[in-house]
Amino acid sequence: MRIFLAVLALAGLTAACETAEGFGRDVSNLGNEITEESQEAQQ
């Protein structure tokens, strides 16, 4: 039973890391778009 719970916890942590990584990429892309738009507005 302990092994099952450990595997379940590990699977949950792995999924959370992948979700956070995807969210980080989305935020980074949004920041890049904002930077590009602000540079275009300054020209």
N, C-alpha and C. Protein backbone atom coordinates (compact mmCIF):
# COMPACT_ATOMS: atom_id res chain seq x y z
N MET A 1 0.82 -1.20 0.00
CA MET A 1 0.00 0.00 0.00
C MET A 1 0.87 1.26 0.00
N ARG A 2 1.95 1.23 0.75
CA ARG A 2 2.83 2.40 0.79
C ARG A 2 3.46 2.68 -0.57
N ILE A 3 3.82 1.61 -1.28
CA ILE A 3 4.42 1.79 -2.60
C ILE A 3 3.41 2.43 -3.54
N PHE A 4 2.17 1.99 -3.48
CA PHE A 4 1.12 2.56 -4.33
C PHE A 4 0.96 4.05 -4.05
N LEU A 5 0.95 4.43 -2.79
CA LEU A 5 0.80 5.85 -2.43
C LEU A 5 2.01 6.66 -2.87
N ALA A 6 3.19 6.08 -2.77
CA ALA A 6 4.40 6.78 -3.21
C ALA A 6 4.37 7.01 -4.71
N VAL A 7 3.96 5.99 -5.46
CA VAL A 7 3.86 6.12 -6.91
C VAL A 7 2.80 7.15 -7.28
N LEU A 8 1.69 7.14 -6.60
CA LEU A 8 0.62 8.10 -6.85
C LEU A 8 1.10 9.53 -6.57
N ALA A 9 1.81 9.72 -5.48
CA ALA A 9 2.34 11.05 -5.14
C ALA A 9 3.36 11.51 -6.17
N LEU A 10 4.21 10.61 -6.61
CA LEU A 10 5.21 10.95 -7.62
C LEU A 10 4.55 11.34 -8.93
N ALA A 11 3.52 10.63 -9.32
CA ALA A 11 2.79 10.96 -10.55
C ALA A 11 2.15 12.35 -10.44
N GLY A 12 1.62 12.66 -9.28
CA GLY A 12 1.02 13.98 -9.08
C GLY A 12 2.04 15.09 -9.16
N LEU A 13 3.21 14.86 -8.59
CA LEU A 13 4.27 15.87 -8.64
C LEU A 13 4.77 16.08 -10.06
N THR A 14 4.90 15.00 -10.80
CA THR A 14 5.35 15.10 -12.19
C THR A 14 4.35 15.90 -13.02
N ALA A 15 3.09 15.64 -12.84
CA ALA A 15 2.06 16.38 -13.58
C ALA A 15 2.08 17.86 -13.21
N ALA A 16 2.28 18.15 -11.93
CA ALA A 16 2.32 19.54 -11.49
C ALA A 16 3.51 20.27 -12.10
N CYS A 17 4.66 19.59 -12.19
CA CYS A 17 5.84 20.22 -12.79
C CYS A 17 5.61 20.53 -14.26
N GLU A 18 5.00 19.61 -14.97
CA GLU A 18 4.73 19.84 -16.38
C GLU A 18 3.75 20.99 -16.56
N THR A 19 2.77 21.09 -15.69
CA THR A 19 1.81 22.18 -15.77
C THR A 19 2.50 23.51 -15.50
N ALA A 20 3.36 23.55 -14.49
CA ALA A 20 4.08 24.78 -14.16
C ALA A 20 5.01 25.18 -15.29
N GLU A 21 5.64 24.20 -15.91
CA GLU A 21 6.54 24.49 -17.03
C GLU A 21 5.77 25.10 -18.19
N GLY A 22 4.62 24.55 -18.50
CA GLY A 22 3.79 25.09 -19.57
C GLY A 22 3.30 26.50 -19.26
N PHE A 23 2.93 26.71 -18.00
CA PHE A 23 2.49 28.05 -17.58
C PHE A 23 3.64 29.04 -17.70
N GLY A 24 4.83 28.61 -17.33
CA GLY A 24 6.01 29.48 -17.44
C GLY A 24 6.29 29.87 -18.87
N ARG A 25 6.13 28.93 -19.79
CA ARG A 25 6.32 29.24 -21.22
C ARG A 25 5.27 30.23 -21.69
N ASP A 26 4.03 30.07 -21.26
CA ASP A 26 2.96 30.99 -21.67
C ASP A 26 3.25 32.40 -21.17
N VAL A 27 3.68 32.52 -19.93
CA VAL A 27 3.99 33.84 -19.36
C VAL A 27 5.17 34.46 -20.09
N SER A 28 6.17 33.65 -20.42
CA SER A 28 7.33 34.15 -21.15
C SER A 28 6.94 34.66 -22.53
N ASN A 29 6.11 33.89 -23.22
CA ASN A 29 5.64 34.32 -24.54
C ASN A 29 4.85 35.61 -24.45
N LEU A 30 4.02 35.73 -23.44
CA LEU A 30 3.24 36.96 -23.25
C LEU A 30 4.17 38.14 -23.00
N GLY A 31 5.19 37.94 -22.19
CA GLY A 31 6.17 39.01 -21.93
C GLY A 31 6.89 39.43 -23.19
N ASN A 32 7.24 38.46 -24.03
CA ASN A 32 7.91 38.79 -25.30
C ASN A 32 6.99 39.60 -26.21
N GLU A 33 5.73 39.24 -26.26
CA GLU A 33 4.78 39.98 -27.09
C GLU A 33 4.59 41.40 -26.59
N ILE A 34 4.52 41.57 -25.29
CA ILE A 34 4.37 42.91 -24.71
C ILE A 34 5.60 43.76 -25.03
N THR A 35 6.77 43.15 -24.92
CA THR A 35 8.01 43.87 -25.23
C THR A 35 8.03 44.30 -26.69
N GLU A 36 7.67 43.41 -27.59
CA GLU A 36 7.66 43.75 -29.01
C GLU A 36 6.67 44.87 -29.31
N GLU A 37 5.48 44.79 -28.72
CA GLU A 37 4.46 45.83 -28.95
C GLU A 37 4.93 47.17 -28.41
N SER A 38 5.56 47.18 -27.25
CA SER A 38 6.02 48.45 -26.67
C SER A 38 7.15 49.04 -27.51
N GLN A 39 8.01 48.20 -28.06
CA GLN A 39 9.09 48.70 -28.93
C GLN A 39 8.51 49.29 -30.21
N GLU A 40 7.50 48.65 -30.77
CA GLU A 40 6.86 49.17 -31.97
C GLU A 40 6.16 50.50 -31.68
N ALA A 41 5.57 50.64 -30.52
CA ALA A 41 4.87 51.86 -30.16
C ALA A 41 5.83 53.02 -29.97
N GLN A 42 7.06 52.73 -29.58
CA GLN A 42 8.04 53.78 -29.34
C GLN A 42 8.64 54.32 -30.65
N GLN A 43 8.49 53.56 -31.73
CA GLN A 43 9.09 53.98 -33.01
C GLN A 43 8.23 54.96 -33.74
